[in-house]
Amino acid sequence: ATREHFVFRYRSAQHWLATFRNYYGPM
């Protein structure tokens, strides 16, 4: 197991939330 990082890149926190709210299953 190797620790890695995925970097989320969005126009803003609001843009991230809107995207995740519509497309990320748990949210």
PDB file of all heavy atoms in Angstrom:
ATOM      1  N   ALA A   1       0.848  -1.196   0.000  1.00  0.00           N
ATOM      2  CA  ALA A   1       0.000   0.000   0.000  1.00  0.00           C
ATOM      3  C   ALA A   1       0.880   1.241   0.000  1.00  0.00           C
ATOM      4  O   ALA A   1       1.779   1.374   0.829  1.00  0.00           O
ATOM      5  CB  ALA A   1      -0.920  -0.004   1.217  1.00  0.00           C
ATOM      6  N   THR A   2       0.608   2.121  -0.940  1.00  0.00           N
ATOM      7  CA  THR A   2       1.364   3.361  -1.084  1.00  0.00           C
ATOM      8  C   THR A   2       0.405   4.543  -0.944  1.00  0.00           C
ATOM      9  O   THR A   2      -0.651   4.568  -1.590  1.00  0.00           O
ATOM     10  CB  THR A   2       2.034   3.418  -2.483  1.00  0.00           C
ATOM     11  OG1 THR A   2       2.782   2.222  -2.677  1.00  0.00           O
ATOM     12  CG2 THR A   2       2.921   4.618  -2.619  1.00  0.00           C
ATOM     13  N   ARG A   3       0.791   5.502  -0.120  1.00  0.00           N
ATOM     14  CA  ARG A   3      -0.040   6.706   0.045  1.00  0.00           C
ATOM     15  C   ARG A   3       0.167   7.633  -1.148  1.00  0.00           C
ATOM     16  O   ARG A   3       1.295   7.938  -1.516  1.00  0.00           O
ATOM     17  CB  ARG A   3       0.314   7.426   1.337  1.00  0.00           C
ATOM     18  CG  ARG A   3      -0.063   6.611   2.552  1.00  0.00           C
ATOM     19  CD  ARG A   3       0.163   7.366   3.850  1.00  0.00           C
ATOM     20  NE  ARG A   3      -0.151   6.513   4.977  1.00  0.00           N
ATOM     21  CZ  ARG A   3      -1.369   6.268   5.439  1.00  0.00           C
ATOM     22  NH1 ARG A   3      -2.407   6.829   4.850  1.00  0.00           N
ATOM     23  NH2 ARG A   3      -1.575   5.471   6.460  1.00  0.00           N
ATOM     24  N   GLU A   4      -0.946   8.042  -1.734  1.00  0.00           N
ATOM     25  CA  GLU A   4      -0.949   8.947  -2.883  1.00  0.00           C
ATOM     26  C   GLU A   4      -1.961  10.043  -2.623  1.00  0.00           C
ATOM     27  O   GLU A   4      -2.721   9.994  -1.653  1.00  0.00           O
ATOM     28  CB  GLU A   4      -1.316   8.184  -4.171  1.00  0.00           C
ATOM     29  CG  GLU A   4      -0.374   7.055  -4.521  1.00  0.00           C
ATOM     30  CD  GLU A   4       0.993   7.517  -5.011  1.00  0.00           C
ATOM     31  OE1 GLU A   4       1.149   8.724  -5.315  1.00  0.00           O
ATOM     32  OE2 GLU A   4       1.897   6.673  -5.087  1.00  0.00           O
ATOM     33  N   HIS A   5      -1.985  11.036  -3.501  1.00  0.00           N
ATOM     34  CA  HIS A   5      -2.966  12.121  -3.391  1.00  0.00           C
ATOM     35  C   HIS A   5      -3.632  12.371  -4.728  1.00  0.00           C
ATOM     36  O   HIS A   5      -2.953  12.425  -5.755  1.00  0.00           O
ATOM     37  CB  HIS A   5      -2.304  13.420  -2.908  1.00  0.00           C
ATOM     38  CG  HIS A   5      -1.927  13.379  -1.474  1.00  0.00           C
ATOM     39  ND1 HIS A   5      -0.731  12.854  -1.044  1.00  0.00           N
ATOM     40  CD2 HIS A   5      -2.606  13.761  -0.371  1.00  0.00           C
ATOM     41  CE1 HIS A   5      -0.686  12.934   0.276  1.00  0.00           C
ATOM     42  NE2 HIS A   5      -1.803  13.469   0.715  1.00  0.00           N
ATOM     43  N   PHE A   6      -4.951  12.475  -4.680  1.00  0.00           N
ATOM     44  CA  PHE A   6      -5.702  12.967  -5.821  1.00  0.00           C
ATOM     45  C   PHE A   6      -6.005  14.425  -5.505  1.00  0.00           C
ATOM     46  O   PHE A   6      -6.410  14.743  -4.387  1.00  0.00           O
ATOM     47  CB  PHE A   6      -7.007  12.194  -6.019  1.00  0.00           C
ATOM     48  CG  PHE A   6      -7.820  12.742  -7.152  1.00  0.00           C
ATOM     49  CD1 PHE A   6      -7.538  12.361  -8.452  1.00  0.00           C
ATOM     50  CD2 PHE A   6      -8.819  13.678  -6.927  1.00  0.00           C
ATOM     51  CE1 PHE A   6      -8.263  12.885  -9.519  1.00  0.00           C
ATOM     52  CE2 PHE A   6      -9.540  14.210  -7.973  1.00  0.00           C
ATOM     53  CZ  PHE A   6      -9.257  13.806  -9.275  1.00  0.00           C
ATOM     54  N   VAL A   7      -5.833  15.299  -6.470  1.00  0.00           N
ATOM     55  CA  VAL A   7      -6.085  16.720  -6.241  1.00  0.00           C
ATOM     56  C   VAL A   7      -7.366  17.122  -6.970  1.00  0.00           C
ATOM     57  O   VAL A   7      -7.449  17.065  -8.198  1.00  0.00           O
ATOM     58  CB  VAL A   7      -4.898  17.587  -6.711  1.00  0.00           C
ATOM     59  CG1 VAL A   7      -5.189  19.066  -6.450  1.00  0.00           C
ATOM     60  CG2 VAL A   7      -3.624  17.164  -5.989  1.00  0.00           C
ATOM     61  N   PHE A   8      -8.373  17.480  -6.177  1.00  0.00           N
ATOM     62  CA  PHE A   8      -9.620  17.985  -6.740  1.00  0.00           C
ATOM     63  C   PHE A   8      -9.383  19.420  -7.197  1.00  0.00           C
ATOM     64  O   PHE A   8      -8.807  20.222  -6.456  1.00  0.00           O
ATOM     65  CB  PHE A   8     -10.745  17.951  -5.700  1.00  0.00           C
ATOM     66  CG  PHE A   8     -11.173  16.560  -5.356  1.00  0.00           C
ATOM     67  CD1 PHE A   8     -10.653  15.915  -4.251  1.00  0.00           C
ATOM     68  CD2 PHE A   8     -12.093  15.880  -6.147  1.00  0.00           C
ATOM     69  CE1 PHE A   8     -11.033  14.621  -3.930  1.00  0.00           C
ATOM     70  CE2 PHE A   8     -12.483  14.590  -5.843  1.00  0.00           C
ATOM     71  CZ  PHE A   8     -11.955  13.964  -4.730  1.00  0.00           C
ATOM     72  N   ARG A   9      -9.835  19.739  -8.398  1.00  0.00           N
ATOM     73  CA  ARG A   9      -9.671  21.083  -8.953  1.00  0.00           C
ATOM     74  C   ARG A   9     -11.025  21.576  -9.470  1.00  0.00           C
ATOM     75  O   ARG A   9     -11.568  20.996 -10.408  1.00  0.00           O
ATOM     76  CB  ARG A   9      -8.641  21.080 -10.086  1.00  0.00           C
ATOM     77  CG  ARG A   9      -7.257  20.683  -9.621  1.00  0.00           C
ATOM     78  CD  ARG A   9      -6.269  20.591 -10.782  1.00  0.00           C
ATOM     79  NE  ARG A   9      -5.001  20.041 -10.340  1.00  0.00           N
ATOM     80  CZ  ARG A   9      -4.023  20.743  -9.806  1.00  0.00           C
ATOM     81  NH1 ARG A   9      -4.154  22.038  -9.652  1.00  0.00           N
ATOM     82  NH2 ARG A   9      -2.910  20.156  -9.420  1.00  0.00           N
ATOM     83  N   TYR A  10     -11.512  22.632  -8.843  1.00  0.00           N
ATOM     84  CA  TYR A  10     -12.798  23.220  -9.212  1.00  0.00           C
ATOM     85  C   TYR A  10     -12.671  24.739  -9.204  1.00  0.00           C
ATOM     86  O   TYR A  10     -11.729  25.287  -8.628  1.00  0.00           O
ATOM     87  CB  TYR A  10     -13.896  22.765  -8.233  1.00  0.00           C
ATOM     88  CG  TYR A  10     -14.254  21.310  -8.426  1.00  0.00           C
ATOM     89  CD1 TYR A  10     -13.548  20.310  -7.767  1.00  0.00           C
ATOM     90  CD2 TYR A  10     -15.269  20.943  -9.294  1.00  0.00           C
ATOM     91  CE1 TYR A  10     -13.851  18.976  -7.962  1.00  0.00           C
ATOM     92  CE2 TYR A  10     -15.583  19.610  -9.495  1.00  0.00           C
ATOM     93  CZ  TYR A  10     -14.866  18.628  -8.831  1.00  0.00           C
ATOM     94  OH  TYR A  10     -15.166  17.309  -9.032  1.00  0.00           O
ATOM     95  N   ARG A  11     -13.626  25.405  -9.798  1.00  0.00           N
ATOM     96  CA  ARG A  11     -13.610  26.878  -9.852  1.00  0.00           C
ATOM     97  C   ARG A  11     -13.749  27.495  -8.462  1.00  0.00           C
ATOM     98  O   ARG A  11     -13.258  28.586  -8.215  1.00  0.00           O
ATOM     99  CB  ARG A  11     -14.712  27.389 -10.776  1.00  0.00           C
ATOM    100  CG  ARG A  11     -14.491  27.028 -12.245  1.00  0.00           C
ATOM    101  CD  ARG A  11     -15.506  27.686 -13.158  1.00  0.00           C
ATOM    102  NE  ARG A  11     -16.865  27.330 -12.846  1.00  0.00           N
ATOM    103  CZ  ARG A  11     -17.560  26.360 -13.435  1.00  0.00           C
ATOM    104  NH1 ARG A  11     -17.001  25.637 -14.379  1.00  0.00           N
ATOM    105  NH2 ARG A  11     -18.806  26.114 -13.093  1.00  0.00           N
ATOM    106  N   SER A  12     -14.419  26.758  -7.572  1.00  0.00           N
ATOM    107  CA  SER A  12     -14.649  27.248  -6.212  1.00  0.00           C
ATOM    108  C   SER A  12     -15.171  26.097  -5.361  1.00  0.00           C
ATOM    109  O   SER A  12     -15.514  25.028  -5.893  1.00  0.00           O
ATOM    110  CB  SER A  12     -15.698  28.374  -6.220  1.00  0.00           C
ATOM    111  OG  SER A  12     -16.953  27.852  -6.647  1.00  0.00           O
ATOM    112  N   ALA A  13     -15.264  26.328  -4.053  1.00  0.00           N
ATOM    113  CA  ALA A  13     -15.864  25.324  -3.173  1.00  0.00           C
ATOM    114  C   ALA A  13     -17.325  25.107  -3.559  1.00  0.00           C
ATOM    115  O   ALA A  13     -17.824  23.979  -3.532  1.00  0.00           O
ATOM    116  CB  ALA A  13     -15.746  25.761  -1.715  1.00  0.00           C
ATOM    117  N   GLN A  14     -18.011  26.168  -3.950  1.00  0.00           N
ATOM    118  CA  GLN A  14     -19.412  26.057  -4.369  1.00  0.00           C
ATOM    119  C   GLN A  14     -19.535  25.183  -5.624  1.00  0.00           C
ATOM    120  O   GLN A  14     -20.469  24.385  -5.747  1.00  0.00           O
ATOM    121  CB  GLN A  14     -20.025  27.443  -4.619  1.00  0.00           C
ATOM    122  CG  GLN A  14     -20.211  28.277  -3.373  1.00  0.00           C
ATOM    123  CD  GLN A  14     -18.914  28.955  -2.900  1.00  0.00           C
ATOM    124  OE1 GLN A  14     -17.883  28.947  -3.577  1.00  0.00           O
ATOM    125  NE2 GLN A  14     -18.964  29.521  -1.706  1.00  0.00           N
ATOM    126  N   HIS A  15     -18.592  25.353  -6.564  1.00  0.00           N
ATOM    127  CA  HIS A  15     -18.603  24.533  -7.779  1.00  0.00           C
ATOM    128  C   HIS A  15     -18.373  23.059  -7.434  1.00  0.00           C
ATOM    129  O   HIS A  15     -19.049  22.167  -7.961  1.00  0.00           O
ATOM    130  CB  HIS A  15     -17.535  25.051  -8.751  1.00  0.00           C
ATOM    131  CG  HIS A  15     -17.440  24.276 -10.017  1.00  0.00           C
ATOM    132  ND1 HIS A  15     -16.241  23.821 -10.520  1.00  0.00           N
ATOM    133  CD2 HIS A  15     -18.384  23.862 -10.895  1.00  0.00           C
ATOM    134  CE1 HIS A  15     -16.453  23.171 -11.640  1.00  0.00           C
ATOM    135  NE2 HIS A  15     -17.745  23.173 -11.891  1.00  0.00           N
ATOM    136  N   TRP A  16     -17.412  22.783  -6.535  1.00  0.00           N
ATOM    137  CA  TRP A  16     -17.173  21.420  -6.068  1.00  0.00           C
ATOM    138  C   TRP A  16     -18.441  20.837  -5.468  1.00  0.00           C
ATOM    139  O   TRP A  16     -18.845  19.716  -5.803  1.00  0.00           O
ATOM    140  CB  TRP A  16     -16.036  21.414  -5.040  1.00  0.00           C
ATOM    141  CG  TRP A  16     -15.889  20.124  -4.298  1.00  0.00           C
ATOM    142  CD1 TRP A  16     -15.275  18.996  -4.733  1.00  0.00           C
ATOM    143  CD2 TRP A  16     -16.385  19.832  -2.984  1.00  0.00           C
ATOM    144  NE1 TRP A  16     -15.348  18.007  -3.776  1.00  0.00           N
ATOM    145  CE2 TRP A  16     -16.027  18.492  -2.695  1.00  0.00           C
ATOM    146  CE3 TRP A  16     -17.095  20.557  -2.033  1.00  0.00           C
ATOM    147  CZ2 TRP A  16     -16.362  17.879  -1.489  1.00  0.00           C
ATOM    148  CZ3 TRP A  16     -17.422  19.949  -0.829  1.00  0.00           C
ATOM    149  CH2 TRP A  16     -17.056  18.623  -0.563  1.00  0.00           C
ATOM    150  N   LEU A  17     -19.082  21.601  -4.566  1.00  0.00           N
ATOM    151  CA  LEU A  17     -20.279  21.118  -3.895  1.00  0.00           C
ATOM    152  C   LEU A  17     -21.392  20.842  -4.900  1.00  0.00           C
ATOM    153  O   LEU A  17     -22.049  19.797  -4.831  1.00  0.00           O
ATOM    154  CB  LEU A  17     -20.754  22.123  -2.841  1.00  0.00           C
ATOM    155  CG  LEU A  17     -22.032  21.742  -2.099  1.00  0.00           C
ATOM    156  CD1 LEU A  17     -21.866  20.416  -1.367  1.00  0.00           C
ATOM    157  CD2 LEU A  17     -22.440  22.845  -1.153  1.00  0.00           C
ATOM    158  N   ALA A  18     -21.603  21.728  -5.846  1.00  0.00           N
ATOM    159  CA  ALA A  18     -22.657  21.529  -6.842  1.00  0.00           C
ATOM    160  C   ALA A  18     -22.405  20.258  -7.653  1.00  0.00           C
ATOM    161  O   ALA A  18     -23.326  19.473  -7.911  1.00  0.00           O
ATOM    162  CB  ALA A  18     -22.748  22.740  -7.762  1.00  0.00           C
ATOM    163  N   THR A  19     -21.164  20.037  -8.037  1.00  0.00           N
ATOM    164  CA  THR A  19     -20.821  18.840  -8.814  1.00  0.00           C
ATOM    165  C   THR A  19     -21.028  17.582  -7.978  1.00  0.00           C
ATOM    166  O   THR A  19     -21.675  16.623  -8.417  1.00  0.00           O
ATOM    167  CB  THR A  19     -19.362  18.923  -9.309  1.00  0.00           C
ATOM    168  OG1 THR A  19     -19.218  20.105 -10.106  1.00  0.00           O
ATOM    169  CG2 THR A  19     -18.990  17.709 -10.124  1.00  0.00           C
ATOM    170  N   PHE A  20     -20.500  17.572  -6.765  1.00  0.00           N
ATOM    171  CA  PHE A  20     -20.623  16.390  -5.906  1.00  0.00           C
ATOM    172  C   PHE A  20     -22.075  16.154  -5.495  1.00  0.00           C
ATOM    173  O   PHE A  20     -22.512  15.009  -5.394  1.00  0.00           O
ATOM    174  CB  PHE A  20     -19.734  16.536  -4.664  1.00  0.00           C
ATOM    175  CG  PHE A  20     -18.367  15.937  -4.842  1.00  0.00           C
ATOM    176  CD1 PHE A  20     -17.572  16.271  -5.920  1.00  0.00           C
ATOM    177  CD2 PHE A  20     -17.875  15.028  -3.924  1.00  0.00           C
ATOM    178  CE1 PHE A  20     -16.324  15.718  -6.092  1.00  0.00           C
ATOM    179  CE2 PHE A  20     -16.622  14.452  -4.079  1.00  0.00           C
ATOM    180  CZ  PHE A  20     -15.843  14.794  -5.168  1.00  0.00           C
ATOM    181  N   ARG A  21     -22.793  17.223  -5.269  1.00  0.00           N
ATOM    182  CA  ARG A  21     -24.193  17.088  -4.856  1.00  0.00           C
ATOM    183  C   ARG A  21     -25.023  16.409  -5.949  1.00  0.00           C
ATOM    184  O   ARG A  21     -25.957  15.671  -5.659  1.00  0.00           O
ATOM    185  CB  ARG A  21     -24.759  18.465  -4.534  1.00  0.00           C
ATOM    186  CG  ARG A  21     -26.122  18.431  -3.914  1.00  0.00           C
ATOM    187  CD  ARG A  21     -26.545  19.800  -3.451  1.00  0.00           C
ATOM    188  NE  ARG A  21     -27.880  19.733  -2.900  1.00  0.00           N
ATOM    189  CZ  ARG A  21     -28.434  20.685  -2.189  1.00  0.00           C
ATOM    190  NH1 ARG A  21     -27.758  21.787  -1.934  1.00  0.00           N
ATOM    191  NH2 ARG A  21     -29.647  20.542  -1.726  1.00  0.00           N
ATOM    192  N   ASN A  22     -24.654  16.618  -7.185  1.00  0.00           N
ATOM    193  CA  ASN A  22     -25.399  16.036  -8.303  1.00  0.00           C
ATOM    194  C   ASN A  22     -24.879  14.682  -8.766  1.00  0.00           C
ATOM    195  O   ASN A  22     -25.633  13.910  -9.355  1.00  0.00           O
ATOM    196  CB  ASN A  22     -25.404  16.997  -9.496  1.00  0.00           C
ATOM    197  CG  ASN A  22     -26.294  18.187  -9.253  1.00  0.00           C
ATOM    198  OD1 ASN A  22     -27.397  18.053  -8.739  1.00  0.00           O
ATOM    199  ND2 ASN A  22     -25.813  19.364  -9.589  1.00  0.00           N
ATOM    200  N   TYR A  23     -23.581  14.401  -8.539  1.00  0.00           N
ATOM    201  CA  TYR A  23     -22.995  13.217  -9.164  1.00  0.00           C
ATOM    202  C   TYR A  23     -22.276  12.246  -8.231  1.00  0.00           C
ATOM    203  O   TYR A  23     -21.929  11.150  -8.662  1.00  0.00           O
ATOM    204  CB  TYR A  23     -22.015  13.644 -10.272  1.00  0.00           C
ATOM    205  CG  TYR A  23     -22.679  14.457 -11.336  1.00  0.00           C
ATOM    206  CD1 TYR A  23     -22.440  15.821 -11.439  1.00  0.00           C
ATOM    207  CD2 TYR A  23     -23.568  13.876 -12.234  1.00  0.00           C
ATOM    208  CE1 TYR A  23     -23.065  16.581 -12.414  1.00  0.00           C
ATOM    209  CE2 TYR A  23     -24.191  14.629 -13.212  1.00  0.00           C
ATOM    210  CZ  TYR A  23     -23.936  15.979 -13.296  1.00  0.00           C
ATOM    211  OH  TYR A  23     -24.559  16.726 -14.255  1.00  0.00           O
ATOM    212  N   TYR A  24     -21.999  12.619  -6.988  1.00  0.00           N
ATOM    213  CA  TYR A  24     -21.262  11.734  -6.083  1.00  0.00           C
ATOM    214  C   TYR A  24     -22.258  11.006  -5.195  1.00  0.00           C
ATOM    215  O   TYR A  24     -22.907  11.616  -4.338  1.00  0.00           O
ATOM    216  CB  TYR A  24     -20.253  12.545  -5.269  1.00  0.00           C
ATOM    217  CG  TYR A  24     -19.313  11.695  -4.452  1.00  0.00           C
ATOM    218  CD1 TYR A  24     -18.451  10.788  -5.061  1.00  0.00           C
ATOM    219  CD2 TYR A  24     -19.274  11.796  -3.067  1.00  0.00           C
ATOM    220  CE1 TYR A  24     -17.585  10.013  -4.313  1.00  0.00           C
ATOM    221  CE2 TYR A  24     -18.403  11.027  -2.316  1.00  0.00           C
ATOM    222  CZ  TYR A  24     -17.566  10.134  -2.946  1.00  0.00           C
ATOM    223  OH  TYR A  24     -16.710   9.362  -2.205  1.00  0.00           O
ATOM    224  N   GLY A  25     -22.354   9.689  -5.378  1.00  0.00           N
ATOM    225  CA  GLY A  25     -23.373   8.883  -4.725  1.00  0.00           C
ATOM    226  C   GLY A  25     -23.615   9.158  -3.251  1.00  0.00           C
ATOM    227  O   GLY A  25     -24.751   9.433  -2.857  1.00  0.00           O
ATOM    228  N   PRO A  26     -22.582   9.092  -2.398  1.00  0.00           N
ATOM    229  CA  PRO A  26     -22.839   9.317  -0.973  1.00  0.00           C
ATOM    230  C   PRO A  26     -23.444  10.693  -0.674  1.00  0.00           C
ATOM    231  O   PRO A  26     -24.340  10.818   0.161  1.00  0.00           O
ATOM    232  CB  PRO A  26     -21.448   9.179  -0.343  1.00  0.00           C
ATOM    233  CG  PRO A  26     -20.699   8.291  -1.280  1.00  0.00           C
ATOM    234  CD  PRO A  26     -21.198   8.663  -2.647  1.00  0.00           C
ATOM    235  N   MET A  27     -22.979  11.716  -1.389  1.00  0.00           N
ATOM    236  CA  MET A  27     -23.504  13.052  -1.140  1.00  0.00           C
ATOM    237  C   MET A  27     -24.899  13.216  -1.745  1.00  0.00           C
ATOM    238  O   MET A  27     -25.789  13.806  -1.129  1.00  0.00           O
ATOM    239  CB  MET A  27     -22.547  14.110  -1.684  1.00  0.00           C
ATOM    240  CG  MET A  27     -22.826  15.490  -1.105  1.00  0.00           C
ATOM    241  SD  MET A  27     -21.754  16.768  -1.758  1.00  0.00           S
ATOM    242  CE  MET A  27     -20.173  16.303  -1.143  1.00  0.00           C
TER     243      MET A  27
END
